[in-house]
Protein backbone atom coordinates (compact mmCIF):
# COMPACT_ATOMS: atom_id res chain seq x y z
CA MET A 1 111.58 20.72 -155.12
CA CYS A 2 113.58 23.59 -153.71
CA LEU A 3 114.90 24.84 -150.46
CA ARG A 4 112.70 27.33 -148.70
CA MET A 5 114.00 29.30 -145.74
CA ALA A 6 111.92 31.16 -143.21
CA ALA A 7 113.28 33.77 -140.92
CA ARG A 8 111.84 37.00 -139.57
CA ALA A 9 113.41 39.72 -137.52
CA SER A 10 110.85 38.99 -134.80
CA SER A 11 111.43 35.23 -134.85
CA PRO A 12 114.04 33.29 -132.90
CA ALA A 13 117.54 33.31 -134.31
CA CYS A 14 117.16 30.46 -136.74
CA SER A 15 116.11 29.66 -140.26
CA ILE A 16 114.00 26.62 -141.03
CA LEU A 17 114.74 24.50 -144.09
CA TRP A 18 112.02 22.53 -145.84
CA PRO A 19 111.15 21.54 -149.38
CA ALA A 20 109.16 24.11 -151.35
CA ARG A 21 107.29 21.89 -153.77
CA ASP A 22 105.22 24.38 -155.75
CA GLN A 23 107.24 27.54 -156.04
CA CYS A 24 110.48 26.67 -157.74
CA PRO A 25 110.64 25.79 -161.42
CA LEU A 26 113.55 23.68 -162.54
CA ASN A 27 115.67 25.06 -165.33
CA SER A 28 117.86 23.00 -167.57
CA GLY A 29 121.45 24.15 -167.95
CA ARG A 30 123.50 23.88 -171.12
CA ASP A 31 124.72 20.52 -169.91
CA GLY A 32 121.13 19.31 -169.38
CA ALA A 33 121.42 19.33 -165.59
CA ALA A 34 118.37 20.35 -163.59
CA ARG A 35 118.73 23.82 -162.13
CA TRP A 36 116.34 25.62 -159.83
CA TRP A 37 117.93 28.98 -160.39
CA GLN A 38 118.80 31.18 -163.31
CA PRO A 39 122.50 32.10 -163.08
CA PRO A 40 123.81 34.31 -161.70
CA ILE A 41 121.93 34.45 -158.40
CA LYS A 42 121.62 38.02 -157.18
CA LEU A 43 121.95 38.36 -153.42
CA GLY A 44 122.52 41.08 -150.87
CA ASN A 45 125.00 40.56 -148.07
CA VAL A 46 126.57 37.10 -148.35
CA HIS A 47 128.55 37.48 -145.12
CA THR A 48 125.66 37.45 -142.64
CA ARG A 49 125.56 34.28 -140.57
CA ARG A 50 122.40 32.37 -139.74
CA ASP A 51 121.45 29.25 -137.78
CA TYR A 52 119.70 26.95 -140.28
CA VAL A 53 117.71 24.05 -138.83
CA HIS A 54 116.01 21.10 -140.51
CA VAL A 55 112.21 21.25 -140.28
CA GLN A 56 112.09 17.65 -139.00
CA ASP A 57 114.33 18.68 -136.12
CA VAL A 58 111.94 21.56 -135.40
CA ALA A 59 108.96 19.18 -135.42
CA GLU A 60 110.73 16.78 -133.06
CA ALA A 61 111.68 19.63 -130.71
CA LEU A 62 108.10 20.92 -130.63
CA PHE A 63 106.78 17.42 -129.94
CA ILE A 64 109.21 16.95 -127.07
CA LEU A 65 108.43 20.41 -125.67
CA GLY A 66 104.73 19.54 -125.77
CA SER A 67 105.35 16.51 -123.59
CA ILE A 68 107.48 18.06 -120.82
CA LYS A 69 106.21 19.77 -117.70
CA ILE A 70 107.07 23.45 -117.35
CA GLU A 71 106.60 25.58 -114.23
CA LEU A 72 105.02 28.63 -115.90
CA PRO A 73 101.83 28.86 -117.98
CA PHE A 74 104.16 29.33 -120.96
CA ASP A 75 107.86 29.46 -121.67
CA ILE A 76 110.15 30.41 -124.54
CA PHE A 77 112.73 28.05 -126.03
CA ASN A 78 115.16 28.53 -128.89
CA ILE A 79 115.13 25.83 -131.55
CA GLY A 80 118.03 25.76 -133.95
CA SER A 81 121.05 23.79 -135.02
CA GLY A 82 123.44 25.57 -132.68
CA ARG A 83 125.70 26.30 -135.62
CA GLU A 84 125.70 29.25 -137.97
CA TYR A 85 126.71 29.54 -141.61
CA SER A 86 127.21 32.57 -143.83
CA VAL A 87 125.09 32.91 -146.94
CA GLN A 88 128.31 32.38 -148.92
CA GLU A 89 128.95 29.11 -147.07
CA LEU A 90 125.36 28.05 -147.76
CA VAL A 91 125.80 28.71 -151.48
CA GLU A 92 129.10 26.80 -151.51
CA MET A 93 127.47 23.88 -149.72
CA CYS A 94 124.61 23.89 -152.25
CA ALA A 95 127.15 23.83 -155.08
CA GLU A 96 128.93 20.90 -153.44
CA VAL A 97 125.65 19.00 -153.04
CA ILE A 98 124.54 19.48 -156.66
CA GLY A 99 128.04 19.00 -158.06
CA GLU A 100 127.98 22.23 -160.02
CA PRO A 101 129.29 25.73 -159.36
CA ILE A 102 126.72 28.36 -158.43
CA GLU A 103 127.47 31.88 -159.57
CA VAL A 104 126.48 34.55 -157.07
CA ILE A 105 126.59 38.32 -157.37
CA SER A 106 126.37 40.38 -154.17
CA LEU A 107 124.55 43.60 -154.99
CA PRO A 108 124.57 46.56 -152.59
CA GLU A 109 120.99 47.50 -153.54
CA LEU A 110 119.78 44.10 -152.31
CA GLN A 111 121.42 44.49 -148.91
CA ARG A 112 119.23 45.36 -145.94
CA ARG A 113 119.78 48.80 -144.45
CA VAL A 114 119.99 47.18 -141.04
CA ASP A 115 121.10 43.57 -140.88
CA ARG A 116 122.20 41.44 -137.96
CA LEU A 117 125.55 39.94 -138.84
CA SER A 118 124.96 36.88 -136.66
CA GLN A 119 121.86 34.98 -135.56
CA LEU A 120 122.77 31.90 -133.57
CA ALA A 121 120.25 30.02 -131.43
CA ASP A 122 121.38 29.28 -127.88
CA LEU A 123 120.18 25.71 -127.28
CA ALA A 124 121.21 25.47 -123.60
CA LYS A 125 117.69 26.01 -122.22
CA ILE A 126 115.92 23.47 -124.46
CA GLN A 127 118.67 20.92 -123.93
CA GLN A 128 118.52 21.34 -120.16
CA ALA A 129 114.70 21.18 -120.05
CA SER A 130 114.18 18.31 -122.48
CA GLY A 131 117.48 16.80 -123.58
CA TRP A 132 116.61 17.71 -127.20
CA LYS A 133 119.33 18.42 -129.69
CA PRO A 134 119.18 18.56 -133.48
CA ALA A 135 119.83 15.28 -135.28
CA ARG A 136 120.46 16.57 -138.81
CA THR A 137 123.10 18.84 -140.32
CA LEU A 138 122.61 21.55 -142.89
CA ARG A 139 124.55 19.41 -145.37
CA GLN A 140 122.09 16.53 -144.78
CA ALA A 141 119.10 18.83 -145.30
CA LEU A 142 120.49 20.18 -148.57
CA GLY A 143 121.34 16.66 -149.75
CA GLU A 144 117.78 15.47 -149.01
CA VAL A 145 116.28 18.38 -150.91
CA TRP A 146 118.54 17.79 -153.91
CA GLU A 147 117.85 14.03 -153.94
CA GLU A 148 114.10 14.70 -153.94
CA THR A 149 114.54 17.28 -156.69
CA LEU A 150 116.29 14.73 -158.89
CA LYS A 151 113.68 12.03 -158.15
CA LYS A 152 110.83 14.34 -159.09
CA ARG A 153 112.54 15.96 -162.07
CA ASP A 154 111.16 13.61 -164.69
CA THR A 155 107.64 13.49 -163.24
CA SER A 156 107.39 17.08 -162.05
CA LYS A 157 105.34 19.67 -163.86
CA TYR A 158 108.56 21.70 -163.76
CA ALA A 159 110.70 19.07 -165.49
CA PRO A 160 113.03 20.54 -168.13
CA VAL A 161 111.82 20.02 -171.66
């Protein structure tokens, strides 16, 4: 199980985290530890900052929004964590969670020509309308994904040989 992130330029300023069960083979490192990457990881700009939100928090926010009365036929709400992290911070947090360093190379050719340096969801409107706020941190989400990865490692079709 791996971490999948979804974000589009046209979407609200957040990234959603959820387990990607079928698209991430585990690799075994020299020490026998399960790895879901092949070092080094090649990335573009590691200094951009994004608002990552747990998919369960998104589901809860959508449920709550579906149950409140709004004045207009439709309305727009931001859903996020209200906190942003750089890609570098995300990688460091992943390394902390798995207990192993993660080598990253930032390559200019992988950087977007135009990239927003910051994408932070403003939660004031959703909090005022519904009282909703996220219940989980990015660290919790990464920890859950890693725990599930380790549980499934021996029974997964991607288990190291």
